Amino acid sequence: IKGARIWRGCKTSNELKLSNVAFLRTRIQLIERFFEKNEVDEIW
């Protein structure tokens, strides 16, 4: 949810030209609004 923190990862991933990275700014309690059932394989 912290936009100023997530900025660093987003900037780095773009500088490295990583095509397999995205960032989602939201509260984790609302995670169902952004993914369908069976869409996620693993969580860290």
ModelCIF file with pLDDT and N, C-alpha, C, O atoms, coordinates in Angstrom:
data_MODEL
#
_entry.id   MODEL 
#
_entity.id                         1 
_entity.type                       polymer 
_entity.pdbx_number_of_molecules   1 
#
_entity_poly.entity_id                      1 
_entity_poly.type                           'polypeptide(L)' 
_entity_poly.nstd_linkage                   no 
_entity_poly.nstd_monomer                   no 
_entity_poly.pdbx_seq_one_letter_code       IKGARIWRGCKTSNELKLSNVAFLRTRIQLIERFFEKNEVDEIW 
_entity_poly.pdbx_seq_one_letter_code_can   IKGARIWRGCKTSNELKLSNVAFLRTRIQLIERFFEKNEVDEIW 
_entity_poly.pdbx_strand_id                 A 
#
loop_
_entity_poly_seq.entity_id 
_entity_poly_seq.num 
_entity_poly_seq.mon_id 
_entity_poly_seq.hetero 
1 1  ILE n 
1 2  LYS n 
1 3  GLY n 
1 4  ALA n 
1 5  ARG n 
1 6  ILE n 
1 7  TRP n 
1 8  ARG n 
1 9  GLY n 
1 10 CYS n 
1 11 LYS n 
1 12 THR n 
1 13 SER n 
1 14 ASN n 
1 15 GLU n 
1 16 LEU n 
1 17 LYS n 
1 18 LEU n 
1 19 SER n 
1 20 ASN n 
1 21 VAL n 
1 22 ALA n 
1 23 PHE n 
1 24 LEU n 
1 25 ARG n 
1 26 THR n 
1 27 ARG n 
1 28 ILE n 
1 29 GLN n 
1 30 LEU n 
1 31 ILE n 
1 32 GLU n 
1 33 ARG n 
1 34 PHE n 
1 35 PHE n 
1 36 GLU n 
1 37 LYS n 
1 38 ASN n 
1 39 GLU n 
1 40 VAL n 
1 41 ASP n 
1 42 GLU n 
1 43 ILE n 
1 44 TRP n 
#
_struct_asym.id          A 
_struct_asym.entity_id   1 
#
loop_
_ma_qa_metric.id 
_ma_qa_metric.mode 
_ma_qa_metric.name 
_ma_qa_metric.software_group_id 
_ma_qa_metric.type 
1 global pLDDT . pLDDT 
2 local  pLDDT . pLDDT 
#
_ma_qa_metric_global.metric_id      1 
_ma_qa_metric_global.metric_value   95.20 
_ma_qa_metric_global.model_id       1 
_ma_qa_metric_global.ordinal_id     1 
#
loop_
_ma_qa_metric_local.label_asym_id 
_ma_qa_metric_local.label_comp_id 
_ma_qa_metric_local.label_seq_id 
_ma_qa_metric_local.metric_id 
_ma_qa_metric_local.metric_value 
_ma_qa_metric_local.model_id 
_ma_qa_metric_local.ordinal_id 
A ILE 1  2 94.00 1 1  
A LYS 2  2 90.00 1 2  
A GLY 3  2 87.00 1 3  
A ALA 4  2 88.00 1 4  
A ARG 5  2 91.00 1 5  
A ILE 6  2 94.00 1 6  
A TRP 7  2 92.00 1 7  
A ARG 8  2 93.00 1 8  
A GLY 9  2 94.00 1 9  
A CYS 10 2 93.00 1 10 
A LYS 11 2 96.00 1 11 
A THR 12 2 96.00 1 12 
A SER 13 2 96.00 1 13 
A ASN 14 2 95.00 1 14 
A GLU 15 2 96.00 1 15 
A LEU 16 2 97.00 1 16 
A LYS 17 2 97.00 1 17 
A LEU 18 2 97.00 1 18 
A SER 19 2 97.00 1 19 
A ASN 20 2 98.00 1 20 
A VAL 21 2 98.00 1 21 
A ALA 22 2 98.00 1 22 
A PHE 23 2 97.00 1 23 
A LEU 24 2 97.00 1 24 
A ARG 25 2 95.00 1 25 
A THR 26 2 95.00 1 26 
A ARG 27 2 94.00 1 27 
A ILE 28 2 95.00 1 28 
A GLN 29 2 94.00 1 29 
A LEU 30 2 94.00 1 30 
A ILE 31 2 95.00 1 31 
A GLU 32 2 94.00 1 32 
A ARG 33 2 94.00 1 33 
A PHE 34 2 96.00 1 34 
A PHE 35 2 97.00 1 35 
A GLU 36 2 96.00 1 36 
A LYS 37 2 95.00 1 37 
A ASN 38 2 96.00 1 38 
A GLU 39 2 98.00 1 39 
A VAL 40 2 98.00 1 40 
A ASP 41 2 98.00 1 41 
A GLU 42 2 98.00 1 42 
A ILE 43 2 98.00 1 43 
A TRP 44 2 98.00 1 44 
#
loop_
_atom_site.group_PDB 
_atom_site.id 
_atom_site.type_symbol 
_atom_site.label_atom_id 
_atom_site.label_alt_id 
_atom_site.label_comp_id 
_atom_site.label_asym_id 
_atom_site.label_entity_id 
_atom_site.label_seq_id 
_atom_site.pdbx_PDB_ins_code 
_atom_site.Cartn_x 
_atom_site.Cartn_y 
_atom_site.Cartn_z 
_atom_site.occupancy 
_atom_site.B_iso_or_equiv 
_atom_site.pdbx_formal_charge 
_atom_site.auth_seq_id 
_atom_site.auth_comp_id 
_atom_site.auth_asym_id 
_atom_site.auth_atom_id 
_atom_site.pdbx_PDB_model_num 
ATOM 1   N N  . ILE A 1 1  ? 0.821   -1.207  0.000   1.00 94.00 ? 1  ILE A N  1 
ATOM 2   C CA . ILE A 1 1  ? 0.000   0.000   0.000   1.00 94.00 ? 1  ILE A CA 1 
ATOM 3   C C  . ILE A 1 1  ? 0.856   1.258   0.000   1.00 94.00 ? 1  ILE A C  1 
ATOM 4   O O  . ILE A 1 1  ? 0.354   2.344   -0.292  1.00 94.00 ? 1  ILE A O  1 
ATOM 5   N N  . LYS A 1 2  ? 2.134   1.133   0.321   1.00 90.00 ? 2  LYS A N  1 
ATOM 6   C CA . LYS A 1 2  ? 3.013   2.293   0.454   1.00 90.00 ? 2  LYS A CA 1 
ATOM 7   C C  . LYS A 1 2  ? 3.607   2.687   -0.900  1.00 90.00 ? 2  LYS A C  1 
ATOM 8   O O  . LYS A 1 2  ? 4.521   2.027   -1.394  1.00 90.00 ? 2  LYS A O  1 
ATOM 9   N N  . GLY A 1 3  ? 3.094   3.747   -1.491  1.00 87.00 ? 3  GLY A N  1 
ATOM 10  C CA . GLY A 1 3  ? 3.535   4.151   -2.824  1.00 87.00 ? 3  GLY A CA 1 
ATOM 11  C C  . GLY A 1 3  ? 4.985   4.601   -2.888  1.00 87.00 ? 3  GLY A C  1 
ATOM 12  O O  . GLY A 1 3  ? 5.670   4.341   -3.877  1.00 87.00 ? 3  GLY A O  1 
ATOM 13  N N  . ALA A 1 4  ? 5.463   5.274   -1.843  1.00 88.00 ? 4  ALA A N  1 
ATOM 14  C CA . ALA A 1 4  ? 6.846   5.753   -1.850  1.00 88.00 ? 4  ALA A CA 1 
ATOM 15  C C  . ALA A 1 4  ? 7.834   4.604   -1.734  1.00 88.00 ? 4  ALA A C  1 
ATOM 16  O O  . ALA A 1 4  ? 8.958   4.702   -2.227  1.00 88.00 ? 4  ALA A O  1 
ATOM 17  N N  . ARG A 1 5  ? 7.430   3.517   -1.089  1.00 91.00 ? 5  ARG A N  1 
ATOM 18  C CA . ARG A 1 5  ? 8.301   2.352   -0.991  1.00 91.00 ? 5  ARG A CA 1 
ATOM 19  C C  . ARG A 1 5  ? 8.287   1.539   -2.276  1.00 91.00 ? 5  ARG A C  1 
ATOM 20  O O  . ARG A 1 5  ? 9.339   1.175   -2.802  1.00 91.00 ? 5  ARG A O  1 
ATOM 21  N N  . ILE A 1 6  ? 7.108   1.262   -2.771  1.00 94.00 ? 6  ILE A N  1 
ATOM 22  C CA . ILE A 1 6  ? 6.963   0.423   -3.957  1.00 94.00 ? 6  ILE A CA 1 
ATOM 23  C C  . ILE A 1 6  ? 7.625   1.066   -5.179  1.00 94.00 ? 6  ILE A C  1 
ATOM 24  O O  . ILE A 1 6  ? 7.979   0.372   -6.132  1.00 94.00 ? 6  ILE A O  1 
ATOM 25  N N  . TRP A 1 7  ? 7.789   2.379   -5.150  1.00 92.00 ? 7  TRP A N  1 
ATOM 26  C CA . TRP A 1 7  ? 8.452   3.124   -6.225  1.00 92.00 ? 7  TRP A CA 1 
ATOM 27  C C  . TRP A 1 7  ? 9.838   2.561   -6.512  1.00 92.00 ? 7  TRP A C  1 
ATOM 28  O O  . TRP A 1 7  ? 10.234  2.447   -7.672  1.00 92.00 ? 7  TRP A O  1 
ATOM 29  N N  . ARG A 1 8  ? 10.580  2.207   -5.457  1.00 93.00 ? 8  ARG A N  1 
ATOM 30  C CA . ARG A 1 8  ? 11.950  1.743   -5.648  1.00 93.00 ? 8  ARG A CA 1 
ATOM 31  C C  . ARG A 1 8  ? 11.997  0.468   -6.484  1.00 93.00 ? 8  ARG A C  1 
ATOM 32  O O  . ARG A 1 8  ? 12.780  0.369   -7.428  1.00 93.00 ? 8  ARG A O  1 
ATOM 33  N N  . GLY A 1 9  ? 11.164  -0.501  -6.139  1.00 94.00 ? 9  GLY A N  1 
ATOM 34  C CA . GLY A 1 9  ? 11.141  -1.744  -6.886  1.00 94.00 ? 9  GLY A CA 1 
ATOM 35  C C  . GLY A 1 9  ? 10.694  -1.543  -8.317  1.00 94.00 ? 9  GLY A C  1 
ATOM 36  O O  . GLY A 1 9  ? 11.228  -2.156  -9.242  1.00 94.00 ? 9  GLY A O  1 
ATOM 37  N N  . CYS A 1 10 ? 9.705   -0.676  -8.492  1.00 93.00 ? 10 CYS A N  1 
ATOM 38  C CA . CYS A 1 10 ? 9.205   -0.415  -9.837  1.00 93.00 ? 10 CYS A CA 1 
ATOM 39  C C  . CYS A 1 10 ? 10.281  0.246   -10.691 1.00 93.00 ? 10 CYS A C  1 
ATOM 40  O O  . CYS A 1 10 ? 10.480  -0.122  -11.849 1.00 93.00 ? 10 CYS A O  1 
ATOM 41  N N  . LYS A 1 11 ? 10.964  1.210   -10.119 1.00 96.00 ? 11 LYS A N  1 
ATOM 42  C CA . LYS A 1 11 ? 12.017  1.906   -10.859 1.00 96.00 ? 11 LYS A CA 1 
ATOM 43  C C  . LYS A 1 11 ? 13.151  0.944   -11.234 1.00 96.00 ? 11 LYS A C  1 
ATOM 44  O O  . LYS A 1 11 ? 13.637  0.950   -12.365 1.00 96.00 ? 11 LYS A O  1 
ATOM 45  N N  . THR A 1 12 ? 13.559  0.124   -10.271 1.00 96.00 ? 12 THR A N  1 
ATOM 46  C CA . THR A 1 12 ? 14.637  -0.831  -10.531 1.00 96.00 ? 12 THR A CA 1 
ATOM 47  C C  . THR A 1 12 ? 14.246  -1.835  -11.608 1.00 96.00 ? 12 THR A C  1 
ATOM 48  O O  . THR A 1 12 ? 15.044  -2.133  -12.497 1.00 96.00 ? 12 THR A O  1 
ATOM 49  N N  . SER A 1 13 ? 13.034  -2.356  -11.538 1.00 96.00 ? 13 SER A N  1 
ATOM 50  C CA . SER A 1 13 ? 12.607  -3.352  -12.528 1.00 96.00 ? 13 SER A CA 1 
ATOM 51  C C  . SER A 1 13 ? 12.559  -2.762  -13.919 1.00 96.00 ? 13 SER A C  1 
ATOM 52  O O  . SER A 1 13 ? 12.829  -3.460  -14.896 1.00 96.00 ? 13 SER A O  1 
ATOM 53  N N  . ASN A 1 14 ? 12.220  -1.482  -14.028 1.00 95.00 ? 14 ASN A N  1 
ATOM 54  C CA . ASN A 1 14 ? 12.223  -0.830  -15.339 1.00 95.00 ? 14 ASN A CA 1 
ATOM 55  C C  . ASN A 1 14 ? 13.636  -0.540  -15.822 1.00 95.00 ? 14 ASN A C  1 
ATOM 56  O O  . ASN A 1 14 ? 13.928  -0.674  -17.010 1.00 95.00 ? 14 ASN A O  1 
ATOM 57  N N  . GLU A 1 15 ? 14.505  -0.146  -14.915 1.00 96.00 ? 15 GLU A N  1 
ATOM 58  C CA . GLU A 1 15 ? 15.902  0.076   -15.289 1.00 96.00 ? 15 GLU A CA 1 
ATOM 59  C C  . GLU A 1 15 ? 16.559  -1.217  -15.780 1.00 96.00 ? 15 GLU A C  1 
ATOM 60  O O  . GLU A 1 15 ? 17.392  -1.199  -16.687 1.00 96.00 ? 15 GLU A O  1 
ATOM 61  N N  . LEU A 1 16 ? 16.173  -2.331  -15.170 1.00 97.00 ? 16 LEU A N  1 
ATOM 62  C CA . LEU A 1 16 ? 16.722  -3.634  -15.558 1.00 97.00 ? 16 LEU A CA 1 
ATOM 63  C C  . LEU A 1 16 ? 15.980  -4.253  -16.743 1.00 97.00 ? 16 LEU A C  1 
ATOM 64  O O  . LEU A 1 16 ? 16.365  -5.308  -17.248 1.00 97.00 ? 16 LEU A O  1 
ATOM 65  N N  . LYS A 1 17 ? 14.906  -3.579  -17.179 1.00 97.00 ? 17 LYS A N  1 
ATOM 66  C CA . LYS A 1 17 ? 14.104  -4.049  -18.312 1.00 97.00 ? 17 LYS A CA 1 
ATOM 67  C C  . LYS A 1 17 ? 13.551  -5.469  -18.064 1.00 97.00 ? 17 LYS A C  1 
ATOM 68  O O  . LYS A 1 17 ? 13.583  -6.327  -18.946 1.00 97.00 ? 17 LYS A O  1 
ATOM 69  N N  . LEU A 1 18 ? 13.054  -5.682  -16.864 1.00 97.00 ? 18 LEU A N  1 
ATOM 70  C CA . LEU A 1 18 ? 12.476  -6.976  -16.521 1.00 97.00 ? 18 LEU A CA 1 
ATOM 71  C C  . LEU A 1 18 ? 11.028  -7.020  -16.994 1.00 97.00 ? 18 LEU A C  1 
ATOM 72  O O  . LEU A 1 18 ? 10.214  -6.187  -16.594 1.00 97.00 ? 18 LEU A O  1 
ATOM 73  N N  . SER A 1 19 ? 10.714  -7.971  -17.827 1.00 97.00 ? 19 SER A N  1 
ATOM 74  C CA . SER A 1 19 ? 9.358   -8.068  -18.378 1.00 97.00 ? 19 SER A CA 1 
ATOM 75  C C  . SER A 1 19 ? 8.448   -8.966  -17.546 1.00 97.00 ? 19 SER A C  1 
ATOM 76  O O  . SER A 1 19 ? 7.260   -9.091  -17.844 1.00 97.00 ? 19 SER A O  1 
ATOM 77  N N  . ASN A 1 20 ? 8.995   -9.586  -16.514 1.00 98.00 ? 20 ASN A N  1 
ATOM 78  C CA . ASN A 1 20 ? 8.205   -10.525 -15.694 1.00 98.00 ? 20 ASN A CA 1 
ATOM 79  C C  . ASN A 1 20 ? 7.923   -9.967  -14.301 1.00 98.00 ? 20 ASN A C  1 
ATOM 80  O O  . ASN A 1 20 ? 7.772   -10.727 -13.345 1.00 98.00 ? 20 ASN A O  1 
ATOM 81  N N  . VAL A 1 21 ? 7.853   -8.639  -14.184 1.00 98.00 ? 21 VAL A N  1 
ATOM 82  C CA . VAL A 1 21 ? 7.610   -7.988  -12.904 1.00 98.00 ? 21 VAL A CA 1 
ATOM 83  C C  . VAL A 1 21 ? 6.496   -6.952  -13.034 1.00 98.00 ? 21 VAL A C  1 
ATOM 84  O O  . VAL A 1 21 ? 6.434   -6.197  -14.004 1.00 98.00 ? 21 VAL A O  1 
ATOM 85  N N  . ALA A 1 22 ? 5.623   -6.937  -12.034 1.00 98.00 ? 22 ALA A N  1 
ATOM 86  C CA . ALA A 1 22 ? 4.618   -5.874  -11.915 1.00 98.00 ? 22 ALA A CA 1 
ATOM 87  C C  . ALA A 1 22 ? 4.466   -5.534  -10.443 1.00 98.00 ? 22 ALA A C  1 
ATOM 88  O O  . ALA A 1 22 ? 4.854   -6.306  -9.566  1.00 98.00 ? 22 ALA A O  1 
ATOM 89  N N  . PHE A 1 23 ? 3.892   -4.361  -10.187 1.00 97.00 ? 23 PHE A N  1 
ATOM 90  C CA . PHE A 1 23 ? 3.625   -3.940  -8.814  1.00 97.00 ? 23 PHE A CA 1 
ATOM 91  C C  . PHE A 1 23 ? 2.185   -3.453  -8.713  1.00 97.00 ? 23 PHE A C  1 
ATOM 92  O O  . PHE A 1 23 ? 1.683   -2.761  -9.599  1.00 97.00 ? 23 PHE A O  1 
ATOM 93  N N  . LEU A 1 24 ? 1.541   -3.824  -7.629  1.00 97.00 ? 24 LEU A N  1 
ATOM 94  C CA . LEU A 1 24 ? 0.139   -3.487  -7.399  1.00 97.00 ? 24 LEU A CA 1 
ATOM 95  C C  . LEU A 1 24 ? 0.038   -2.758  -6.067  1.00 97.00 ? 24 LEU A C  1 
ATOM 96  O O  . LEU A 1 24 ? 0.383   -3.302  -5.018  1.00 97.00 ? 24 LEU A O  1 
ATOM 97  N N  . ARG A 1 25 ? -0.435  -1.531  -6.124  1.00 95.00 ? 25 ARG A N  1 
ATOM 98  C CA . ARG A 1 25 ? -0.574  -0.752  -4.900  1.00 95.00 ? 25 ARG A CA 1 
ATOM 99  C C  . ARG A 1 25 ? -2.001  -0.885  -4.381  1.00 95.00 ? 25 ARG A C  1 
ATOM 100 O O  . ARG A 1 25 ? -2.939  -0.317  -4.940  1.00 95.00 ? 25 ARG A O  1 
ATOM 101 N N  . THR A 1 26 ? -2.142  -1.642  -3.311  1.00 95.00 ? 26 THR A N  1 
ATOM 102 C CA . THR A 1 26 ? -3.442  -1.826  -2.694  1.00 95.00 ? 26 THR A CA 1 
ATOM 103 C C  . THR A 1 26 ? -3.251  -2.457  -1.322  1.00 95.00 ? 26 THR A C  1 
ATOM 104 O O  . THR A 1 26 ? -2.138  -2.829  -0.951  1.00 95.00 ? 26 THR A O  1 
ATOM 105 N N  . ARG A 1 27 ? -4.334  -2.574  -0.578  1.00 94.00 ? 27 ARG A N  1 
ATOM 106 C CA . ARG A 1 27 ? -4.294  -3.250  0.712   1.00 94.00 ? 27 ARG A CA 1 
ATOM 107 C C  . ARG A 1 27 ? -4.434  -4.752  0.493   1.00 94.00 ? 27 ARG A C  1 
ATOM 108 O O  . ARG A 1 27 ? -5.251  -5.194  -0.316  1.00 94.00 ? 27 ARG A O  1 
ATOM 109 N N  . ILE A 1 28 ? -3.655  -5.517  1.199   1.00 95.00 ? 28 ILE A N  1 
ATOM 110 C CA . ILE A 1 28 ? -3.647  -6.961  1.019   1.00 95.00 ? 28 ILE A CA 1 
ATOM 111 C C  . ILE A 1 28 ? -5.002  -7.562  1.365   1.00 95.00 ? 28 ILE A C  1 
ATOM 112 O O  . ILE A 1 28 ? -5.387  -8.582  0.794   1.00 95.00 ? 28 ILE A O  1 
ATOM 113 N N  . GLN A 1 29 ? -5.726  -6.949  2.287   1.00 94.00 ? 29 GLN A N  1 
ATOM 114 C CA . GLN A 1 29 ? -7.056  -7.451  2.655   1.00 94.00 ? 29 GLN A CA 1 
ATOM 115 C C  . GLN A 1 29 ? -8.032  -7.436  1.476   1.00 94.00 ? 29 GLN A C  1 
ATOM 116 O O  . GLN A 1 29 ? -9.064  -8.106  1.509   1.00 94.00 ? 29 GLN A O  1 
ATOM 117 N N  . LEU A 1 30 ? -7.699  -6.669  0.437   1.00 94.00 ? 30 LEU A N  1 
ATOM 118 C CA . LEU A 1 30 ? -8.581  -6.547  -0.730  1.00 94.00 ? 30 LEU A CA 1 
ATOM 119 C C  . LEU A 1 30 ? -8.099  -7.370  -1.917  1.00 94.00 ? 30 LEU A C  1 
ATOM 120 O O  . LEU A 1 30 ? -8.535  -7.143  -3.045  1.00 94.00 ? 30 LEU A O  1 
ATOM 121 N N  . ILE A 1 31 ? -7.206  -8.322  -1.676  1.00 95.00 ? 31 ILE A N  1 
ATOM 122 C CA . ILE A 1 31 ? -6.515  -9.003  -2.762  1.00 95.00 ? 31 ILE A CA 1 
ATOM 123 C C  . ILE A 1 31 ? -7.462  -9.714  -3.731  1.00 95.00 ? 31 ILE A C  1 
ATOM 124 O O  . ILE A 1 31 ? -7.140  -9.858  -4.911  1.00 95.00 ? 31 ILE A O  1 
ATOM 125 N N  . GLU A 1 32 ? -8.626  -10.159 -3.250  1.00 94.00 ? 32 GLU A N  1 
ATOM 126 C CA . GLU A 1 32 ? -9.550  -10.889 -4.122  1.00 94.00 ? 32 GLU A CA 1 
ATOM 127 C C  . GLU A 1 32 ? -10.090 -10.015 -5.247  1.00 94.00 ? 32 GLU A C  1 
ATOM 128 O O  . GLU A 1 32 ? -10.558 -10.535 -6.260  1.00 94.00 ? 32 GLU A O  1 
ATOM 129 N N  . ARG A 1 33 ? -10.034 -8.708  -5.088  1.00 94.00 ? 33 ARG A N  1 
ATOM 130 C CA . ARG A 1 33 ? -10.547 -7.821  -6.131  1.00 94.00 ? 33 ARG A CA 1 
ATOM 131 C C  . ARG A 1 33 ? -9.656  -7.800  -7.370  1.00 94.00 ? 33 ARG A C  1 
ATOM 132 O O  . ARG A 1 33 ? -10.061 -7.295  -8.417  1.00 94.00 ? 33 ARG A O  1 
ATOM 133 N N  . PHE A 1 34 ? -8.449  -8.344  -7.257  1.00 96.00 ? 34 PHE A N  1 
ATOM 134 C CA . PHE A 1 34 ? -7.470  -8.174  -8.326  1.00 96.00 ? 34 PHE A CA 1 
ATOM 135 C C  . PHE A 1 34 ? -7.018  -9.464  -8.987  1.00 96.00 ? 34 PHE A C  1 
ATOM 136 O O  . PHE A 1 34 ? -6.297  -9.436  -9.983  1.00 96.00 ? 34 PHE A O  1 
ATOM 137 N N  . PHE A 1 35 ? -7.443  -10.602 -8.432  1.00 97.00 ? 35 PHE A N  1 
ATOM 138 C CA . PHE A 1 35 ? -7.050  -11.900 -8.990  1.00 97.00 ? 35 PHE A CA 1 
ATOM 139 C C  . PHE A 1 35 ? -8.236  -12.847 -8.947  1.00 97.00 ? 35 PHE A C  1 
ATOM 140 O O  . PHE A 1 35 ? -9.051  -12.802 -8.025  1.00 97.00 ? 35 PHE A O  1 
ATOM 141 N N  . GLU A 1 36 ? -8.323  -13.706 -9.955  1.00 96.00 ? 36 GLU A N  1 
ATOM 142 C CA . GLU A 1 36 ? -9.380  -14.709 -10.001 1.00 96.00 ? 36 GLU A CA 1 
ATOM 143 C C  . GLU A 1 36 ? -8.945  -15.975 -9.261  1.00 96.00 ? 36 GLU A C  1 
ATOM 144 O O  . GLU A 1 36 ? -7.764  -16.152 -8.963  1.00 96.00 ? 36 GLU A O  1 
ATOM 145 N N  . LYS A 1 37 ? -9.874  -16.824 -8.975  1.00 95.00 ? 37 LYS A N  1 
ATOM 146 C CA . LYS A 1 37 ? -9.592  -18.129 -8.403  1.00 95.00 ? 37 LYS A CA 1 
ATOM 147 C C  . LYS A 1 37 ? -8.634  -18.879 -9.327  1.00 95.00 ? 37 LYS A C  1 
ATOM 148 O O  . LYS A 1 37 ? -8.795  -18.843 -10.547 1.00 95.00 ? 37 LYS A O  1 
ATOM 149 N N  . ASN A 1 38 ? -7.654  -19.546 -8.764  1.00 96.00 ? 38 ASN A N  1 
ATOM 150 C CA . ASN A 1 38 ? -6.664  -20.354 -9.498  1.00 96.00 ? 38 ASN A CA 1 
ATOM 151 C C  . ASN A 1 38 ? -5.666  -19.528 -10.314 1.00 96.00 ? 38 ASN A C  1 
ATOM 152 O O  . ASN A 1 38 ? -4.939  -20.078 -11.142 1.00 96.00 ? 38 ASN A O  1 
ATOM 153 N N  . GLU A 1 39 ? -5.627  -18.219 -10.087 1.00 98.00 ? 39 GLU A N  1 
ATOM 154 C CA . GLU A 1 39 ? -4.718  -17.391 -10.895 1.00 98.00 ? 39 GLU A CA 1 
ATOM 155 C C  . GLU A 1 39 ? -3.304  -17.325 -10.301 1.00 98.00 ? 39 GLU A C  1 
ATOM 156 O O  . GLU A 1 39 ? -2.341  -17.075 -11.025 1.00 98.00 ? 39 GLU A O  1 
ATOM 157 N N  . VAL A 1 40 ? -3.179  -17.546 -9.002  1.00 98.00 ? 40 VAL A N  1 
ATOM 158 C CA . VAL A 1 40 ? -1.893  -17.387 -8.317  1.00 98.00 ? 40 VAL A CA 1 
ATOM 159 C C  . VAL A 1 40 ? -1.334  -18.744 -7.918  1.00 98.00 ? 40 VAL A C  1 
ATOM 160 O O  . VAL A 1 40 ? -2.046  -19.589 -7.376  1.00 98.00 ? 40 VAL A O  1 
ATOM 161 N N  . ASP A 1 41 ? -0.034  -18.945 -8.197  1.00 98.00 ? 41 ASP A N  1 
ATOM 162 C CA . ASP A 1 41 ? 0.623   -20.218 -7.924  1.00 98.00 ? 41 ASP A CA 1 
ATOM 163 C C  . ASP A 1 41 ? 1.392   -20.243 -6.604  1.00 98.00 ? 41 ASP A C  1 
ATOM 164 O O  . ASP A 1 41 ? 1.531   -21.296 -5.982  1.00 98.00 ? 41 ASP A O  1 
ATOM 165 N N  . GLU A 1 42 ? 1.886   -19.091 -6.183  1.00 98.00 ? 42 GLU A N  1 
ATOM 166 C CA . GLU A 1 42 ? 2.771   -19.071 -5.019  1.00 98.00 ? 42 GLU A CA 1 
ATOM 167 C C  . GLU A 1 42 ? 2.733   -17.688 -4.377  1.00 98.00 ? 42 GLU A C  1 
ATOM 168 O O  . GLU A 1 42 ? 2.495   -16.687 -5.053  1.00 98.00 ? 42 GLU A O  1 
ATOM 169 N N  . ILE A 1 43 ? 2.970   -17.640 -3.073  1.00 98.00 ? 43 ILE A N  1 
ATOM 170 C CA . ILE A 1 43 ? 2.984   -16.382 -2.324  1.00 98.00 ? 43 ILE A CA 1 
ATOM 171 C C  . ILE A 1 43 ? 4.252   -16.323 -1.473  1.00 98.00 ? 43 ILE A C  1 
ATOM 172 O O  . ILE A 1 43 ? 4.638   -17.300 -0.831  1.00 98.00 ? 43 ILE A O  1 
ATOM 173 N N  . TRP A 1 44 ? 4.886   -15.150 -1.487  1.00 98.00 ? 44 TRP A N  1 
ATOM 174 C CA . TRP A 1 44 ? 6.016   -14.867 -0.606  1.00 98.00 ? 44 TRP A CA 1 
ATOM 175 C C  . TRP A 1 44 ? 5.617   -13.778 0.370   1.00 98.00 ? 44 TRP A C  1 
ATOM 176 O O  . TRP A 1 44 ? 6.421   -13.379 1.212   1.00 98.00 ? 44 TRP A O  1 
#
